[in-house]
Amino acid sequence: MTTATLVFHLPEERQEYDMSVRGQDAYCALHRLGEAIRSHLKYGEPEKDREKLEEIWREIADATYYVGN
């Protein structure tokens, strides 16, 4: 089994530490947002904003894909 250890020099690297600890929460939030936009595109009436919503949805999908892999 492979393991990894992250070392942070606190308090100087507190922000980096917090981001690494909360990374999964950020991923989940992006994923939920992407799913909400996808659902609106599929079932809502987004004709006025369709192009922009599709662009945002693609950006979220790309971001969560690379984070999840």
N, C-alpha and C. Protein backbone atom coordinates (compact mmCIF):
# COMPACT_ATOMS: atom_id res chain seq x y z
N MET A 1 0.84 -1.18 0.00
CA MET A 1 0.00 0.00 0.00
C MET A 1 0.89 1.24 0.00
N THR A 2 0.55 2.18 -0.87
CA THR A 2 1.30 3.42 -0.96
C THR A 2 0.73 4.42 0.03
N THR A 3 1.61 5.16 0.67
CA THR A 3 1.18 6.21 1.59
C THR A 3 1.87 7.52 1.22
N ALA A 4 1.28 8.60 1.68
CA ALA A 4 1.87 9.92 1.45
C ALA A 4 1.74 10.73 2.74
N THR A 5 2.73 11.52 3.00
CA THR A 5 2.70 12.39 4.17
C THR A 5 2.90 13.83 3.71
N LEU A 6 1.99 14.68 4.11
CA LEU A 6 2.11 16.10 3.80
C LEU A 6 2.64 16.81 5.03
N VAL A 7 3.57 17.70 4.83
CA VAL A 7 4.14 18.45 5.95
C VAL A 7 3.88 19.93 5.71
N PHE A 8 3.33 20.58 6.71
CA PHE A 8 3.05 22.01 6.64
C PHE A 8 3.76 22.70 7.79
N HIS A 9 4.28 23.86 7.52
CA HIS A 9 4.93 24.67 8.54
C HIS A 9 3.93 25.70 9.02
N LEU A 10 3.28 25.36 10.14
CA LEU A 10 2.26 26.24 10.69
C LEU A 10 2.90 27.26 11.63
N PRO A 11 2.42 28.44 11.71
CA PRO A 11 1.20 28.98 11.12
C PRO A 11 1.40 29.56 9.74
N GLU A 12 2.63 29.59 9.23
CA GLU A 12 2.90 30.23 7.93
C GLU A 12 2.11 29.60 6.78
N GLU A 13 1.93 28.30 6.81
CA GLU A 13 1.27 27.59 5.72
C GLU A 13 -0.14 27.14 6.10
N ARG A 14 -0.78 27.89 6.96
CA ARG A 14 -2.12 27.54 7.45
C ARG A 14 -3.13 27.46 6.30
N GLN A 15 -3.06 28.40 5.37
CA GLN A 15 -4.01 28.39 4.25
C GLN A 15 -3.83 27.14 3.40
N GLU A 16 -2.61 26.76 3.11
CA GLU A 16 -2.36 25.54 2.33
C GLU A 16 -2.84 24.31 3.08
N TYR A 17 -2.63 24.29 4.38
CA TYR A 17 -3.10 23.17 5.21
C TYR A 17 -4.62 23.07 5.15
N ASP A 18 -5.29 24.21 5.37
CA ASP A 18 -6.75 24.22 5.34
C ASP A 18 -7.29 23.75 3.99
N MET A 19 -6.65 24.18 2.90
CA MET A 19 -7.10 23.75 1.57
C MET A 19 -6.93 22.25 1.39
N SER A 20 -5.85 21.69 1.90
CA SER A 20 -5.64 20.25 1.73
C SER A 20 -6.62 19.45 2.56
N VAL A 21 -6.95 19.94 3.74
CA VAL A 21 -7.88 19.25 4.62
C VAL A 21 -9.31 19.36 4.10
N ARG A 22 -9.67 20.50 3.50
CA ARG A 22 -11.03 20.74 3.02
C ARG A 22 -11.21 20.44 1.54
N GLY A 23 -10.25 19.85 0.90
CA GLY A 23 -10.32 19.58 -0.54
C GLY A 23 -11.53 18.77 -0.94
N GLN A 24 -11.87 17.74 -0.19
CA GLN A 24 -13.01 16.90 -0.54
C GLN A 24 -14.31 17.69 -0.43
N ASP A 25 -14.40 18.57 0.56
CA ASP A 25 -15.59 19.41 0.69
C ASP A 25 -15.75 20.31 -0.54
N ALA A 26 -14.65 20.88 -1.00
CA ALA A 26 -14.70 21.74 -2.19
C ALA A 26 -15.11 20.93 -3.41
N TYR A 27 -14.56 19.74 -3.56
CA TYR A 27 -14.92 18.87 -4.68
C TYR A 27 -16.42 18.57 -4.65
N CYS A 28 -16.93 18.22 -3.48
CA CYS A 28 -18.35 17.88 -3.36
C CYS A 28 -19.24 19.08 -3.70
N ALA A 29 -18.84 20.26 -3.25
CA ALA A 29 -19.61 21.46 -3.55
C ALA A 29 -19.63 21.74 -5.05
N LEU A 30 -18.49 21.61 -5.70
CA LEU A 30 -18.44 21.81 -7.16
C LEU A 30 -19.29 20.77 -7.88
N HIS A 31 -19.22 19.54 -7.42
CA HIS A 31 -20.00 18.48 -8.05
C HIS A 31 -21.50 18.75 -7.91
N ARG A 32 -21.95 19.13 -6.72
CA ARG A 32 -23.37 19.44 -6.51
C ARG A 32 -23.81 20.61 -7.38
N LEU A 33 -22.97 21.62 -7.47
CA LEU A 33 -23.30 22.78 -8.31
C LEU A 33 -23.41 22.37 -9.78
N GLY A 34 -22.47 21.56 -10.23
CA GLY A 34 -22.51 21.07 -11.61
C GLY A 34 -23.76 20.26 -11.89
N GLU A 35 -24.15 19.43 -10.94
CA GLU A 35 -25.36 18.63 -11.12
C GLU A 35 -26.61 19.51 -11.15
N ALA A 36 -26.63 20.56 -10.35
CA ALA A 36 -27.77 21.47 -10.34
C ALA A 36 -27.90 22.17 -11.69
N ILE A 37 -26.78 22.62 -12.23
CA ILE A 37 -26.80 23.28 -13.54
C ILE A 37 -27.21 22.29 -14.62
N ARG A 38 -26.67 21.08 -14.56
CA ARG A 38 -27.02 20.05 -15.53
C ARG A 38 -28.52 19.76 -15.50
N SER A 39 -29.07 19.65 -14.29
CA SER A 39 -30.50 19.39 -14.14
C SER A 39 -31.33 20.54 -14.71
N HIS A 40 -30.90 21.76 -14.45
CA HIS A 40 -31.62 22.92 -14.99
C HIS A 40 -31.57 22.93 -16.52
N LEU A 41 -30.41 22.60 -17.07
CA LEU A 41 -30.29 22.54 -18.52
C LEU A 41 -31.19 21.47 -19.12
N LYS A 42 -31.30 20.34 -18.41
CA LYS A 42 -32.05 19.21 -18.95
C LYS A 42 -33.56 19.36 -18.74
N TYR A 43 -33.97 19.85 -17.57
CA TYR A 43 -35.39 19.85 -17.22
C TYR A 43 -36.01 21.24 -17.08
N GLY A 44 -35.19 22.26 -16.94
CA GLY A 44 -35.70 23.61 -16.73
C GLY A 44 -36.02 24.30 -18.04
N GLU A 45 -36.09 25.60 -17.96
CA GLU A 45 -36.34 26.42 -19.14
C GLU A 45 -35.22 27.46 -19.26
N PRO A 46 -34.01 27.01 -19.54
CA PRO A 46 -32.85 27.92 -19.52
C PRO A 46 -32.55 28.58 -20.86
N GLU A 47 -33.52 28.64 -21.76
CA GLU A 47 -33.23 29.11 -23.12
C GLU A 47 -32.47 30.44 -23.14
N LYS A 48 -32.85 31.34 -22.25
CA LYS A 48 -32.22 32.65 -22.23
C LYS A 48 -30.74 32.56 -21.85
N ASP A 49 -30.40 31.64 -20.96
CA ASP A 49 -29.04 31.54 -20.43
C ASP A 49 -28.32 30.25 -20.83
N ARG A 50 -28.86 29.52 -21.76
CA ARG A 50 -28.32 28.19 -22.08
C ARG A 50 -26.83 28.20 -22.39
N GLU A 51 -26.39 29.08 -23.24
CA GLU A 51 -24.98 29.09 -23.65
C GLU A 51 -24.06 29.31 -22.45
N LYS A 52 -24.39 30.26 -21.61
CA LYS A 52 -23.55 30.54 -20.44
C LYS A 52 -23.60 29.41 -19.44
N LEU A 53 -24.79 28.85 -19.20
CA LEU A 53 -24.90 27.72 -18.27
C LEU A 53 -24.10 26.51 -18.76
N GLU A 54 -24.15 26.25 -20.05
CA GLU A 54 -23.38 25.13 -20.59
C GLU A 54 -21.87 25.37 -20.42
N GLU A 55 -21.44 26.59 -20.62
CA GLU A 55 -20.02 26.92 -20.44
C GLU A 55 -19.60 26.72 -18.98
N ILE A 56 -20.41 27.19 -18.05
CA ILE A 56 -20.11 27.02 -16.62
C ILE A 56 -20.12 25.54 -16.26
N TRP A 57 -21.10 24.80 -16.75
CA TRP A 57 -21.21 23.37 -16.44
C TRP A 57 -19.97 22.63 -16.95
N ARG A 58 -19.50 22.96 -18.15
CA ARG A 58 -18.29 22.31 -18.69
C ARG A 58 -17.07 22.63 -17.83
N GLU A 59 -16.96 23.87 -17.37
CA GLU A 59 -15.82 24.23 -16.52
C GLU A 59 -15.85 23.47 -15.21
N ILE A 60 -17.02 23.34 -14.61
CA ILE A 60 -17.14 22.58 -13.36
C ILE A 60 -16.83 21.11 -13.61
N ALA A 61 -17.35 20.56 -14.70
CA ALA A 61 -17.09 19.16 -15.01
C ALA A 61 -15.59 18.92 -15.22
N ASP A 62 -14.93 19.81 -15.92
CA ASP A 62 -13.49 19.68 -16.12
C ASP A 62 -12.74 19.76 -14.80
N ALA A 63 -13.11 20.71 -13.95
CA ALA A 63 -12.42 20.89 -12.68
C ALA A 63 -12.59 19.68 -11.79
N THR A 64 -13.81 19.16 -11.69
CA THR A 64 -14.03 18.00 -10.82
C THR A 64 -13.42 16.74 -11.40
N TYR A 65 -13.34 16.63 -12.71
CA TYR A 65 -12.70 15.46 -13.32
C TYR A 65 -11.22 15.40 -12.92
N TYR A 66 -10.53 16.51 -13.06
CA TYR A 66 -9.11 16.52 -12.76
C TYR A 66 -8.83 16.40 -11.28
N VAL A 67 -9.71 16.90 -10.43
CA VAL A 67 -9.53 16.77 -8.99
C VAL A 67 -9.79 15.33 -8.58
N GLY A 68 -10.78 14.70 -9.19
CA GLY A 68 -11.16 13.35 -8.81
C GLY A 68 -10.22 12.27 -9.31
N ASN A 69 -9.31 12.60 -10.21
CA ASN A 69 -8.39 11.58 -10.76
C ASN A 69 -7.00 11.76 -10.24
